[in-house]
Protein backbone atom coordinates (compact mmCIF):
# COMPACT_ATOMS: atom_id res chain seq x y z
CA MET A 1 41.07 96.92 124.76
CA SER A 2 44.05 96.47 127.05
CA ASP A 3 46.14 95.09 124.16
CA GLN A 4 45.99 98.30 122.15
CA PRO A 5 48.03 100.59 124.51
CA ILE A 6 50.70 97.90 124.91
CA SER A 7 50.93 97.35 121.15
CA LEU A 8 51.70 101.08 120.64
CA ILE A 9 54.45 101.14 123.25
CA ARG A 10 56.73 98.67 121.43
CA PRO A 11 56.84 100.55 118.09
CA LEU A 12 57.27 103.88 119.86
CA PHE A 13 60.09 102.45 121.95
CA ALA A 14 61.77 101.02 118.81
CA LEU A 15 61.40 104.37 117.03
CA ALA A 16 62.93 106.19 120.01
CA MET A 17 65.89 103.79 120.08
CA VAL A 18 66.52 104.25 116.34
CA ALA A 19 66.33 108.03 116.69
CA ALA A 20 68.71 108.03 119.67
CA SER A 21 71.26 105.83 117.91
CA THR A 22 71.09 107.98 114.76
CA ILE A 23 71.72 111.16 116.73
CA TYR A 24 74.64 109.48 118.50
CA ALA A 25 76.14 108.32 115.18
CA ILE A 26 75.88 111.80 113.66
CA ALA A 27 77.58 113.33 116.70
CA GLN A 28 80.52 110.90 116.38
CA GLN A 29 81.49 111.81 112.80
CA PRO A 30 84.93 113.41 112.46
CA PRO A 31 85.07 117.07 111.43
CA ALA A 32 85.54 117.90 107.76
CA PRO A 33 89.04 119.00 106.68
CA THR A 34 89.62 122.75 106.68
CA ARG A 35 91.80 124.79 104.37
CA VAL A 36 93.48 127.89 105.74
CA ARG A 37 95.61 130.30 103.73
CA GLY A 38 98.06 132.25 105.82
CA SER A 39 101.40 132.02 107.54
CA ILE A 40 102.52 129.72 110.34
CA GLU A 41 103.26 131.83 113.41
CA ALA A 42 104.27 129.08 115.88
CA VAL A 43 104.40 125.31 116.39
CA ASP A 44 103.66 123.74 119.77
CA GLY A 45 103.75 119.95 119.66
CA ASN A 46 101.09 118.95 117.15
CA VAL A 47 99.34 122.35 117.14
CA LEU A 48 100.04 125.02 114.52
CA ALA A 49 99.31 128.65 115.28
CA VAL A 50 98.34 130.18 111.93
CA LYS A 51 97.50 133.77 111.02
CA SER A 52 95.16 133.83 108.04
CA ARG A 53 95.27 136.34 105.22
CA GLY A 54 92.24 138.03 106.77
CA GLY A 55 94.10 138.55 110.06
CA GLU A 56 92.30 135.86 112.06
CA ASP A 57 94.30 133.57 114.36
CA PHE A 58 93.75 129.81 114.11
CA ALA A 59 95.04 126.91 116.21
CA LEU A 60 95.20 123.81 113.99
CA ARG A 61 95.80 120.30 115.31
CA MET A 62 98.08 118.35 112.97
CA THR A 63 97.32 114.74 112.04
CA PRO A 64 99.91 112.23 110.78
CA ASP A 65 98.67 112.67 107.18
CA ILE A 66 98.88 116.49 107.15
CA ARG A 67 99.79 118.22 103.88
CA ILE A 68 101.32 121.68 104.01
CA VAL A 69 101.85 123.44 100.71
CA GLY A 70 104.04 126.50 100.46
CA ILE A 71 104.78 128.80 97.58
CA THR A 72 107.42 131.49 97.72
CA LYS A 73 107.89 134.22 95.16
CA ILE A 74 111.41 134.23 93.67
CA ALA A 75 113.14 136.00 90.83
CA LEU A 76 113.56 134.20 87.51
CA GLU A 77 117.36 134.42 87.75
CA HIS A 78 117.26 132.13 90.80
CA VAL A 79 115.74 129.30 88.74
CA VAL A 80 118.37 126.85 87.50
CA PHE A 81 117.73 125.11 84.19
CA TYR A 82 119.46 121.82 83.41
CA ARG A 83 119.81 120.51 79.91
CA ASN A 84 119.17 116.92 79.11
CA ARG A 85 122.33 115.09 77.99
CA ASP A 86 120.61 113.88 74.84
CA SER A 87 119.73 117.43 73.79
CA GLN A 88 123.41 118.46 74.01
CA ARG A 89 124.48 115.77 71.49
CA ARG A 90 122.31 117.09 68.67
């Protein structure tokens, strides 16, 4: 009878260790990328202060592989069209 309580302790201990390591691994995952639409208000080192379209203020930490996309509305007369040299010969 004394073997039965000891035989339950080992599996329970192993299960506890697996659960603890799984929780630790989940906590160490990097955060998912976030998309914010708005305007950049300030830059301080590697931190962008952004005001979103909804009026909320965000502080975003920049990474070396950051991609910033900007679109500005312009008039059609400001667009310059170049002709291909081959099209001028015809």
